[in-house]
Structure formats: structure tokens, C-alpha cells
Amino acid sequence: HFEKTLDYLINSPIPLEVRTTVHTGLLDEHDINAIMDDLLHKGYRGTYYLQHYIDDPATFAELSAPLRELDMQQLNRDLELVYRRL
């Protein structure tokens, strides 16, 4: 259902912000590039927001803080990319 919903939103006049929370223990640069490639393939041309994972006990999973930062130089720039470090 997620794919159908994303396709619908990308191709509708509804304003859409696409963002991903990044924990480098779960997602690396290759994964983020694959997500961006998929978004482009679906026709998304907006800004893609990456947000830094915040190590907070109130999150839904028990994750430790990431051991490294995302290497922004390894990400393709076919979409406008904004990285939010909160």
C-alpha cells in the first residue's frame, strides 16, 4: 500500500515533502541513493529531506547512537537534497 500511496501523492496536486530519518547503522549512502533513484523513477522532482536520527529513549526502538555521520559527498544530486541535523 505504501508504494501505491507514494505514486498517488507524487502524481497529484497535493503538496508533498519526502523525508527519511537516517541512522547510519540502518541506512548507508548506497541505501539513500537507491531511495532517491526510486523517487526519481516515480516522477518525484521536489526536495528530498534527510534528517539525522536523534538518540532519545522515547523512540520506538532501542537503537544506540549512530557510530558515524552520513557522507554527503557520496550521495547523488539528481534531487535537491537537504540534510537536517537537529
N, C-alpha and C. Protein backbone atom coordinates (compact mmCIF):
# COMPACT_ATOMS: atom_id res chain seq x y z
N HIS A 1 0.82 -1.20 0.00
CA HIS A 1 0.00 0.00 0.00
C HIS A 1 0.86 1.26 0.00
N PHE A 2 2.03 1.19 0.60
CA PHE A 2 2.91 2.35 0.64
C PHE A 2 3.27 2.81 -0.78
N GLU A 3 3.65 1.87 -1.64
CA GLU A 3 4.06 2.22 -3.00
C GLU A 3 2.91 2.89 -3.75
N LYS A 4 1.70 2.36 -3.62
CA LYS A 4 0.55 2.94 -4.31
C LYS A 4 0.26 4.34 -3.78
N THR A 5 0.36 4.51 -2.47
CA THR A 5 0.12 5.82 -1.86
C THR A 5 1.16 6.82 -2.32
N LEU A 6 2.43 6.42 -2.33
CA LEU A 6 3.50 7.31 -2.77
C LEU A 6 3.31 7.69 -4.24
N ASP A 7 3.00 6.71 -5.09
CA ASP A 7 2.75 7.00 -6.50
C ASP A 7 1.61 8.01 -6.65
N TYR A 8 0.54 7.80 -5.90
CA TYR A 8 -0.61 8.70 -5.97
C TYR A 8 -0.21 10.12 -5.56
N LEU A 9 0.48 10.25 -4.44
CA LEU A 9 0.86 11.57 -3.95
C LEU A 9 1.83 12.29 -4.89
N ILE A 10 2.78 11.57 -5.43
CA ILE A 10 3.75 12.17 -6.35
C ILE A 10 3.04 12.72 -7.59
N ASN A 11 2.02 12.02 -8.05
CA ASN A 11 1.33 12.39 -9.28
C ASN A 11 0.05 13.18 -9.04
N SER A 12 -0.12 13.70 -7.84
CA SER A 12 -1.30 14.50 -7.53
C SER A 12 -0.88 15.95 -7.27
N PRO A 13 -1.86 16.86 -7.21
CA PRO A 13 -1.51 18.26 -6.91
C PRO A 13 -1.31 18.52 -5.41
N ILE A 14 -1.40 17.50 -4.60
CA ILE A 14 -1.24 17.64 -3.15
C ILE A 14 0.23 17.94 -2.83
N PRO A 15 0.51 19.01 -2.07
CA PRO A 15 1.91 19.29 -1.69
C PRO A 15 2.49 18.11 -0.92
N LEU A 16 3.72 17.78 -1.22
CA LEU A 16 4.35 16.59 -0.64
C LEU A 16 5.78 16.90 -0.22
N GLU A 17 6.13 16.51 0.99
CA GLU A 17 7.51 16.57 1.46
C GLU A 17 7.96 15.15 1.71
N VAL A 18 9.05 14.75 1.09
CA VAL A 18 9.58 13.40 1.28
C VAL A 18 10.82 13.52 2.15
N ARG A 19 10.85 12.74 3.24
CA ARG A 19 11.99 12.78 4.14
C ARG A 19 12.27 11.41 4.71
N THR A 20 13.51 11.22 5.09
CA THR A 20 13.96 9.96 5.68
C THR A 20 14.80 10.28 6.90
N THR A 21 14.55 9.59 8.00
CA THR A 21 15.40 9.70 9.17
C THR A 21 16.57 8.75 8.98
N VAL A 22 17.78 9.27 9.13
CA VAL A 22 18.98 8.49 8.83
C VAL A 22 19.70 8.08 10.10
N HIS A 23 19.83 6.79 10.29
CA HIS A 23 20.70 6.17 11.30
C HIS A 23 21.66 5.32 10.49
N THR A 24 22.94 5.68 10.46
CA THR A 24 23.88 5.01 9.57
C THR A 24 24.13 3.55 9.93
N GLY A 25 23.64 3.11 11.07
CA GLY A 25 23.69 1.69 11.38
C GLY A 25 22.60 0.91 10.65
N LEU A 26 21.60 1.64 10.13
CA LEU A 26 20.48 1.02 9.42
C LEU A 26 20.44 1.38 7.94
N LEU A 27 20.84 2.60 7.61
CA LEU A 27 20.85 3.08 6.23
C LEU A 27 22.21 3.69 5.93
N ASP A 28 22.77 3.33 4.79
CA ASP A 28 24.04 3.95 4.40
C ASP A 28 23.83 4.76 3.12
N GLU A 29 24.90 5.29 2.58
CA GLU A 29 24.84 6.14 1.40
C GLU A 29 24.23 5.41 0.20
N HIS A 30 24.57 4.14 0.05
CA HIS A 30 24.01 3.33 -1.04
C HIS A 30 22.49 3.25 -0.91
N ASP A 31 21.99 3.04 0.31
CA ASP A 31 20.55 2.96 0.53
C ASP A 31 19.85 4.27 0.19
N ILE A 32 20.44 5.38 0.61
CA ILE A 32 19.85 6.70 0.34
C ILE A 32 19.84 6.97 -1.16
N ASN A 33 20.92 6.61 -1.86
CA ASN A 33 20.94 6.77 -3.32
C ASN A 33 19.86 5.92 -3.98
N ALA A 34 19.63 4.71 -3.48
CA ALA A 34 18.59 3.84 -4.03
C ALA A 34 17.20 4.45 -3.81
N ILE A 35 16.98 5.04 -2.64
CA ILE A 35 15.70 5.71 -2.37
C ILE A 35 15.51 6.88 -3.34
N MET A 36 16.55 7.68 -3.52
CA MET A 36 16.44 8.81 -4.45
C MET A 36 16.20 8.34 -5.88
N ASP A 37 16.86 7.27 -6.31
CA ASP A 37 16.64 6.72 -7.64
C ASP A 37 15.18 6.28 -7.80
N ASP A 38 14.64 5.64 -6.78
CA ASP A 38 13.24 5.20 -6.82
C ASP A 38 12.29 6.39 -6.90
N LEU A 39 12.57 7.43 -6.10
CA LEU A 39 11.74 8.63 -6.15
C LEU A 39 11.77 9.27 -7.54
N LEU A 40 12.95 9.38 -8.14
CA LEU A 40 13.07 9.94 -9.48
C LEU A 40 12.31 9.09 -10.50
N HIS A 41 12.44 7.78 -10.38
CA HIS A 41 11.75 6.86 -11.30
C HIS A 41 10.24 7.04 -11.20
N LYS A 42 9.75 7.35 -10.01
CA LYS A 42 8.31 7.56 -9.79
C LYS A 42 7.85 8.94 -10.25
N GLY A 43 8.81 9.83 -10.56
CA GLY A 43 8.44 11.15 -11.03
C GLY A 43 8.56 12.25 -10.00
N TYR A 44 9.09 11.95 -8.83
CA TYR A 44 9.25 12.98 -7.80
C TYR A 44 10.36 13.93 -8.21
N ARG A 45 10.07 15.24 -8.14
CA ARG A 45 11.08 16.24 -8.51
C ARG A 45 11.24 17.30 -7.43
N GLY A 46 10.70 17.05 -6.26
CA GLY A 46 10.79 18.01 -5.17
C GLY A 46 12.07 17.84 -4.38
N THR A 47 12.12 18.51 -3.26
CA THR A 47 13.25 18.42 -2.36
C THR A 47 13.14 17.14 -1.55
N TYR A 48 14.26 16.45 -1.37
CA TYR A 48 14.32 15.25 -0.54
C TYR A 48 15.07 15.63 0.73
N TYR A 49 14.39 15.46 1.86
CA TYR A 49 14.95 15.85 3.15
C TYR A 49 15.47 14.62 3.89
N LEU A 50 16.68 14.71 4.37
CA LEU A 50 17.25 13.70 5.26
C LEU A 50 17.33 14.33 6.63
N GLN A 51 16.92 13.61 7.63
CA GLN A 51 17.02 14.14 8.99
C GLN A 51 17.82 13.17 9.84
N HIS A 52 18.69 13.72 10.64
CA HIS A 52 19.59 12.97 11.50
C HIS A 52 18.79 12.28 12.61
N TYR A 53 19.09 11.01 12.83
CA TYR A 53 18.47 10.26 13.92
C TYR A 53 18.88 10.88 15.25
N ILE A 54 17.91 11.07 16.12
CA ILE A 54 18.17 11.61 17.46
C ILE A 54 18.05 10.46 18.46
N ASP A 55 19.11 10.22 19.19
CA ASP A 55 19.12 9.15 20.19
C ASP A 55 18.31 9.60 21.40
N ASP A 56 17.07 9.15 21.46
CA ASP A 56 16.14 9.56 22.51
C ASP A 56 15.42 8.33 23.03
N PRO A 57 15.33 8.15 24.32
CA PRO A 57 14.67 6.95 24.86
C PRO A 57 13.20 6.85 24.48
N ALA A 58 12.60 7.93 24.00
CA ALA A 58 11.18 7.90 23.65
C ALA A 58 10.93 7.32 22.25
N THR A 59 11.99 6.97 21.50
CA THR A 59 11.78 6.40 20.17
C THR A 59 11.21 5.00 20.29
N PHE A 60 10.72 4.49 19.18
CA PHE A 60 10.02 3.20 19.17
C PHE A 60 10.94 1.99 19.23
N ALA A 61 12.22 2.16 19.03
CA ALA A 61 13.15 1.04 19.03
C ALA A 61 14.35 1.36 19.90
N GLU A 62 14.99 0.32 20.37
CA GLU A 62 16.18 0.51 21.19
C GLU A 62 17.40 0.53 20.26
N LEU A 63 17.78 1.72 19.85
CA LEU A 63 18.95 1.90 19.00
C LEU A 63 19.97 2.75 19.73
N SER A 64 21.21 2.40 19.55
CA SER A 64 22.26 3.26 20.11
C SER A 64 22.50 4.40 19.13
N ALA A 65 23.25 5.38 19.55
CA ALA A 65 23.57 6.49 18.67
C ALA A 65 24.36 5.97 17.46
N PRO A 66 24.20 6.57 16.29
CA PRO A 66 24.98 6.14 15.12
C PRO A 66 26.47 6.30 15.38
N LEU A 67 27.27 5.40 14.83
CA LEU A 67 28.71 5.44 15.03
C LEU A 67 29.41 6.40 14.08
N ARG A 68 28.71 6.80 13.01
CA ARG A 68 29.31 7.72 12.04
C ARG A 68 28.23 8.58 11.41
N GLU A 69 28.68 9.70 10.85
CA GLU A 69 27.79 10.60 10.11
C GLU A 69 27.64 10.09 8.68
N LEU A 70 26.58 10.45 8.03
CA LEU A 70 26.38 10.16 6.62
C LEU A 70 27.39 10.97 5.81
N ASP A 71 28.02 10.35 4.83
CA ASP A 71 28.97 11.04 3.96
C ASP A 71 28.20 11.66 2.79
N MET A 72 27.89 12.94 2.90
CA MET A 72 27.08 13.63 1.92
C MET A 72 27.74 13.66 0.54
N GLN A 73 29.06 13.55 0.48
CA GLN A 73 29.78 13.57 -0.79
C GLN A 73 29.48 12.33 -1.64
N GLN A 74 29.01 11.26 -1.01
CA GLN A 74 28.72 10.02 -1.73
C GLN A 74 27.30 9.97 -2.28
N LEU A 75 26.50 10.99 -1.99
CA LEU A 75 25.11 10.98 -2.44
C LEU A 75 24.97 11.66 -3.78
N ASN A 76 24.13 11.05 -4.65
CA ASN A 76 23.91 11.68 -5.94
C ASN A 76 23.07 12.94 -5.73
N ARG A 77 23.14 13.84 -6.68
CA ARG A 77 22.46 15.13 -6.55
C ARG A 77 21.42 15.33 -7.64
N ASP A 78 20.76 14.25 -8.04
CA ASP A 78 19.72 14.37 -9.06
C ASP A 78 18.46 15.01 -8.50
N LEU A 79 18.29 14.98 -7.20
CA LEU A 79 17.22 15.69 -6.49
C LEU A 79 17.85 16.75 -5.61
N GLU A 80 17.08 17.82 -5.35
CA GLU A 80 17.55 18.78 -4.36
C GLU A 80 17.56 18.05 -3.02
N LEU A 81 18.65 18.14 -2.31
CA LEU A 81 18.84 17.38 -1.09
C LEU A 81 19.14 18.33 0.06
N VAL A 82 18.39 18.18 1.15
CA VAL A 82 18.61 18.97 2.36
C VAL A 82 18.79 18.01 3.51
N TYR A 83 19.87 18.19 4.28
CA TYR A 83 20.14 17.34 5.44
C TYR A 83 19.92 18.15 6.70
N ARG A 84 18.96 17.73 7.49
CA ARG A 84 18.62 18.42 8.74
C ARG A 84 19.33 17.75 9.90
N ARG A 85 20.22 18.48 10.51
CA ARG A 85 20.89 17.99 11.72
C ARG A 85 20.24 18.69 12.89
N LEU A 86 19.38 18.01 13.55
CA LEU A 86 18.62 18.63 14.66
C LEU A 86 19.36 18.52 15.96
